[in-house]
C-alpha atoms as a PDB file:
ATOM      1  CA  MET A   1     -12.782  10.615  12.996  1.00  0.00           C
ATOM      2  CA  ARG A   2     -11.012   7.309  13.119  1.00  0.00           C
ATOM      3  CA  GLU A   3      -7.400   7.301  11.923  1.00  0.00           C
ATOM      4  CA  LEU A   4      -6.427   5.273   8.760  1.00  0.00           C
ATOM      5  CA  LEU A   5      -2.938   3.758   9.062  1.00  0.00           C
ATOM      6  CA  ILE A   6      -1.287   3.180   5.724  1.00  0.00           C
ATOM      7  CA  TYR A   7       1.905   1.141   5.073  1.00  0.00           C
ATOM      8  CA  VAL A   8       3.840   1.994   1.974  1.00  0.00           C
ATOM      9  CA  VAL A   9       6.238  -0.756   0.766  1.00  0.00           C
ATOM     10  CA  ASP A  10       8.670   0.258  -1.924  1.00  0.00           C
ATOM     11  CA  ASP A  11      12.472  -0.160  -2.177  1.00  0.00           C
ATOM     12  CA  ASP A  12      12.927   3.095  -4.162  1.00  0.00           C
ATOM     13  CA  MET A  13      13.783   5.862  -1.752  1.00  0.00           C
ATOM     14  CA  ASP A  14      12.645   8.572  -4.202  1.00  0.00           C
ATOM     15  CA  GLU A  15       9.282   6.822  -4.736  1.00  0.00           C
ATOM     16  CA  ARG A  16       8.690   6.492  -0.954  1.00  0.00           C
ATOM     17  CA  PHE A  17       9.546  10.223  -0.658  1.00  0.00           C
ATOM     18  CA  PHE A  18       7.021  11.319  -3.342  1.00  0.00           C
ATOM     19  CA  ILE A  19       4.309   9.064  -1.942  1.00  0.00           C
ATOM     20  CA  GLU A  20       4.966  10.336   1.583  1.00  0.00           C
ATOM     21  CA  ARG A  21       4.823  14.029   0.406  1.00  0.00           C
ATOM     22  CA  ALA A  22       1.696  13.310  -1.594  1.00  0.00           C
ATOM     23  CA  PHE A  23      -0.055  11.877   1.579  1.00  0.00           C
ATOM     24  CA  ASP A  24       1.164  14.887   3.555  1.00  0.00           C
ATOM     25  CA  SER A  25      -0.729  17.149   1.194  1.00  0.00           C
ATOM     26  CA  PHE A  26      -4.027  15.758   2.400  1.00  0.00           C
ATOM     27  CA  LYS A  27      -3.408  13.473   5.403  1.00  0.00           C
ATOM     28  CA  TYR A  28      -5.089  15.793   7.861  1.00  0.00           C
ATOM     29  CA  LYS A  29      -8.385  15.811   5.926  1.00  0.00           C
ATOM     30  CA  PHE A  30      -8.610  11.999   6.188  1.00  0.00           C
ATOM     31  CA  ASN A  31      -6.640  11.630   9.498  1.00  0.00           C
ATOM     32  CA  LEU A  32      -3.977   9.536   7.911  1.00  0.00           C
ATOM     33  CA  GLU A  33      -0.859   8.027   9.510  1.00  0.00           C
ATOM     34  CA  VAL A  34       1.750   6.720   6.958  1.00  0.00           C
ATOM     35  CA  SER A  35       4.733   4.473   7.594  1.00  0.00           C
ATOM     36  CA  SER A  36       7.218   3.073   4.986  1.00  0.00           C
ATOM     37  CA  PHE A  37       8.919  -0.188   4.523  1.00  0.00           C
ATOM     38  CA  PHE A  38      11.851  -0.988   2.187  1.00  0.00           C
ATOM     39  CA  HIS A  39      10.728  -4.382   0.870  1.00  0.00           C
ATOM     40  CA  GLY A  40       8.314  -7.168   1.584  1.00  0.00           C
ATOM     41  CA  LYS A  41      10.360  -8.931   4.262  1.00  0.00           C
ATOM     42  CA  HIS A  42      10.746  -5.698   6.090  1.00  0.00           C
ATOM     43  CA  LEU A  43       6.960  -5.387   6.235  1.00  0.00           C
ATOM     44  CA  ILE A  44       6.331  -9.040   7.135  1.00  0.00           C
ATOM     45  CA  ASP A  45       8.904  -8.995   9.871  1.00  0.00           C
ATOM     46  CA  ALA A  46       7.339  -5.808  11.310  1.00  0.00           C
ATOM     47  CA  LEU A  47       3.818  -7.235  11.134  1.00  0.00           C
ATOM     48  CA  ASN A  48       4.955 -10.401  12.916  1.00  0.00           C
ATOM     49  CA  GLU A  49       5.975  -8.093  15.965  1.00  0.00           C
ATOM     50  CA  LYS A  50       3.166  -7.922  18.450  1.00  0.00           C
ATOM     51  CA  SER A  51       3.840  -4.251  19.019  1.00  0.00           C
ATOM     52  CA  THR A  52       3.303  -3.303  15.285  1.00  0.00           C
ATOM     53  CA  PRO A  53      -0.204  -1.947  14.747  1.00  0.00           C
ATOM     54  CA  LEU A  54      -2.066  -3.391  11.831  1.00  0.00           C
ATOM     55  CA  PRO A  55      -2.723  -0.968   8.980  1.00  0.00           C
ATOM     56  CA  GLY A  56      -5.996  -0.246   7.325  1.00  0.00           C
ATOM     57  CA  LEU A  57      -4.248  -0.200   3.942  1.00  0.00           C
ATOM     58  CA  ILE A  58      -0.982  -1.426   2.366  1.00  0.00           C
ATOM     59  CA  LEU A  59       0.253   0.355  -0.781  1.00  0.00           C
ATOM     60  CA  MET A  60       2.911  -1.824  -2.299  1.00  0.00           C
ATOM     61  CA  ASP A  61       5.270  -1.985  -5.289  1.00  0.00           C
ATOM     62  CA  LEU A  62       5.979  -5.244  -7.065  1.00  0.00           C
ATOM     63  CA  ASN A  63       9.592  -4.989  -8.061  1.00  0.00           C
ATOM     64  CA  MET A  64      11.583  -5.137  -4.825  1.00  0.00           C
ATOM     65  CA  PRO A  65      14.641  -6.983  -3.612  1.00  0.00           C
ATOM     66  CA  VAL A  66      14.639  -9.647  -0.887  1.00  0.00           C
ATOM     67  CA  MET A  67      10.832 -10.335  -1.145  1.00  0.00           C
ATOM     68  CA  ASN A  68       8.989  -8.912  -4.064  1.00  0.00           C
ATOM     69  CA  GLY A  69       5.351  -7.739  -4.194  1.00  0.00           C
ATOM     70  CA  PHE A  70       3.931 -11.065  -5.378  1.00  0.00           C
ATOM     71  CA  GLU A  71       5.744 -12.962  -2.525  1.00  0.00           C
ATOM     72  CA  THR A  72       4.622 -10.453   0.019  1.00  0.00           C
ATOM     73  CA  LEU A  73       1.069 -10.450  -1.162  1.00  0.00           C
ATOM     74  CA  GLU A  74       0.955 -14.201  -0.986  1.00  0.00           C
ATOM     75  CA  ALA A  75       2.483 -14.171   2.445  1.00  0.00           C
ATOM     76  CA  LEU A  76      -0.011 -11.697   3.714  1.00  0.00           C
ATOM     77  CA  LYS A  77      -3.002 -13.416   2.317  1.00  0.00           C
ATOM     78  CA  LYS A  78      -1.913 -16.780   3.802  1.00  0.00           C
ATOM     79  CA  THR A  79      -1.500 -15.345   7.343  1.00  0.00           C
ATOM     80  CA  SER A  80      -4.407 -15.149   9.708  1.00  0.00           C
ATOM     81  CA  GLY A  81      -4.880 -11.696  11.026  1.00  0.00           C
ATOM     82  CA  LEU A  82      -3.070 -10.232   8.043  1.00  0.00           C
ATOM     83  CA  ASN A  83      -5.167 -11.638   5.198  1.00  0.00           C
ATOM     84  CA  THR A  84      -7.959  -9.091   5.592  1.00  0.00           C
ATOM     85  CA  ILE A  85      -5.810  -6.069   5.179  1.00  0.00           C
ATOM     86  CA  PRO A  86      -6.508  -4.488   1.784  1.00  0.00           C
ATOM     87  CA  VAL A  87      -3.376  -4.292  -0.427  1.00  0.00           C
ATOM     88  CA  ILE A  88      -3.133  -1.944  -3.356  1.00  0.00           C
ATOM     89  CA  ILE A  89      -0.352  -2.856  -5.797  1.00  0.00           C
ATOM     90  CA  HIS A  90       1.147   0.390  -7.009  1.00  0.00           C
ATOM     91  CA  SER A  91       3.742  -0.387  -9.657  1.00  0.00           C
ATOM     92  CA  SER A  92       5.363   0.493 -12.958  1.00  0.00           C
ATOM     93  CA  VAL A  93       4.611  -3.076 -14.144  1.00  0.00           C
ATOM     94  CA  LYS A  94       1.741  -2.781 -16.645  1.00  0.00           C
ATOM     95  CA  THR A  95       1.331  -6.244 -18.072  1.00  0.00           C
ATOM     96  CA  GLU A  96      -2.076  -7.925 -17.938  1.00  0.00           C
ATOM     97  CA  ASP A  97      -0.526 -11.100 -16.652  1.00  0.00           C
ATOM     98  CA  SER A  98       1.007  -9.263 -13.656  1.00  0.00           C
ATOM     99  CA  ARG A  99      -2.294  -7.544 -12.980  1.00  0.00           C
ATOM    100  CA  LYS A 100      -4.208 -10.885 -13.096  1.00  0.00           C
ATOM    101  CA  LYS A 101      -1.673 -12.541 -10.821  1.00  0.00           C
ATOM    102  CA  CYS A 102      -1.961  -9.745  -8.262  1.00  0.00           C
ATOM    103  CA  MET A 103      -5.782 -10.005  -8.272  1.00  0.00           C
ATOM    104  CA  ALA A 104      -5.601 -13.814  -8.008  1.00  0.00           C
ATOM    105  CA  LEU A 105      -3.261 -13.493  -4.960  1.00  0.00           C
ATOM    106  CA  GLY A 106      -5.758 -11.210  -3.248  1.00  0.00           C
ATOM    107  CA  ALA A 107      -4.874  -7.618  -4.130  1.00  0.00           C
ATOM    108  CA  ALA A 108      -7.729  -5.175  -3.707  1.00  0.00           C
ATOM    109  CA  LYS A 109      -6.650  -3.153  -6.679  1.00  0.00           C
ATOM    110  CA  VAL A 110      -3.681  -2.741  -9.064  1.00  0.00           C
ATOM    111  CA  VAL A 111      -2.749   0.733 -10.268  1.00  0.00           C
ATOM    112  CA  THR A 112       0.104   1.991 -12.371  1.00  0.00           C
ATOM    113  CA  LYS A 113       2.461   4.456 -10.849  1.00  0.00           C
ATOM    114  CA  PRO A 114       1.959   7.999 -12.339  1.00  0.00           C
ATOM    115  CA  GLY A 115       4.452   9.016 -14.968  1.00  0.00           C
ATOM    116  CA  ASN A 116       4.679  12.453 -13.477  1.00  0.00           C
ATOM    117  CA  MET A 117       5.528  12.840  -9.722  1.00  0.00           C
ATOM    118  CA  LEU A 118       3.069  15.806  -9.686  1.00  0.00           C
ATOM    119  CA  GLU A 119       0.181  13.407 -10.290  1.00  0.00           C
ATOM    120  CA  TYR A 120       0.947  11.470  -7.027  1.00  0.00           C
ATOM    121  CA  PRO A 121      -1.344  13.587  -4.740  1.00  0.00           C
ATOM    122  CA  SER A 122      -4.542  13.209  -6.858  1.00  0.00           C
ATOM    123  CA  VAL A 123      -3.868   9.471  -7.580  1.00  0.00           C
ATOM    124  CA  LEU A 124      -3.270   8.682  -3.917  1.00  0.00           C
ATOM    125  CA  LYS A 125      -6.152  10.820  -2.638  1.00  0.00           C
ATOM    126  CA  GLU A 126      -8.538   8.920  -4.948  1.00  0.00           C
ATOM    127  CA  LEU A 127      -7.228   5.555  -3.609  1.00  0.00           C
ATOM    128  CA  VAL A 128      -7.508   6.696   0.023  1.00  0.00           C
ATOM    129  CA  PHE A 129     -11.043   8.134  -0.605  1.00  0.00           C
ATOM    130  CA  GLU A 130     -12.149   4.755  -2.023  1.00  0.00           C
ATOM    131  CA  GLN A 131     -10.730   2.924   0.961  1.00  0.00           C
ATOM    132  CA  ILE A 132     -12.132   5.101   3.708  1.00  0.00           C
ATOM    133  CA  HIS A 133     -15.573   4.605   2.172  1.00  0.00           C
ATOM    134  CA  LEU A 134     -15.031   0.795   2.068  1.00  0.00           C
ATOM    135  CA  ILE A 135     -14.149   0.616   5.733  1.00  0.00           C
ATOM    136  CA  GLY A 136     -16.663   3.195   6.952  1.00  0.00           C
ATOM    137  CA  ILE A 137     -14.392   6.137   7.967  1.00  0.00           C
ATOM    138  CA  LYS A 138     -16.201   9.509   7.625  1.00  0.00           C
ATOM    139  CA  ALA A 139     -14.086  12.098   5.815  1.00  0.00           C
END
């Protein structure tokens, strides 16, 4: 089974912790590798390094310092080699305007962060399951 590399981009250390623990709860079933970044610039700088492997999926927050999710999404989609990486926006921002802007910038999907941290495993498992079917990895 091919590995799915997922990059999580969120400035909130607690959010990253809960997301990583949620992925840990099912990552062996889907052969996942998860790495985290603190903000969009951190991600873009890393992706510009030739030694950084390209992920199969980016899960990103919108509200981050230095380079927010909108700016990061725009930079990814304007860069050859990075513009085909699916980006799922995972944010507490719930406005329709924000959702539409994310989709116009090229997001694969926009989902609202769960209100309860115990919901993370099921929410993330569903997102990963959708993604592995889109790129043809067998679970």
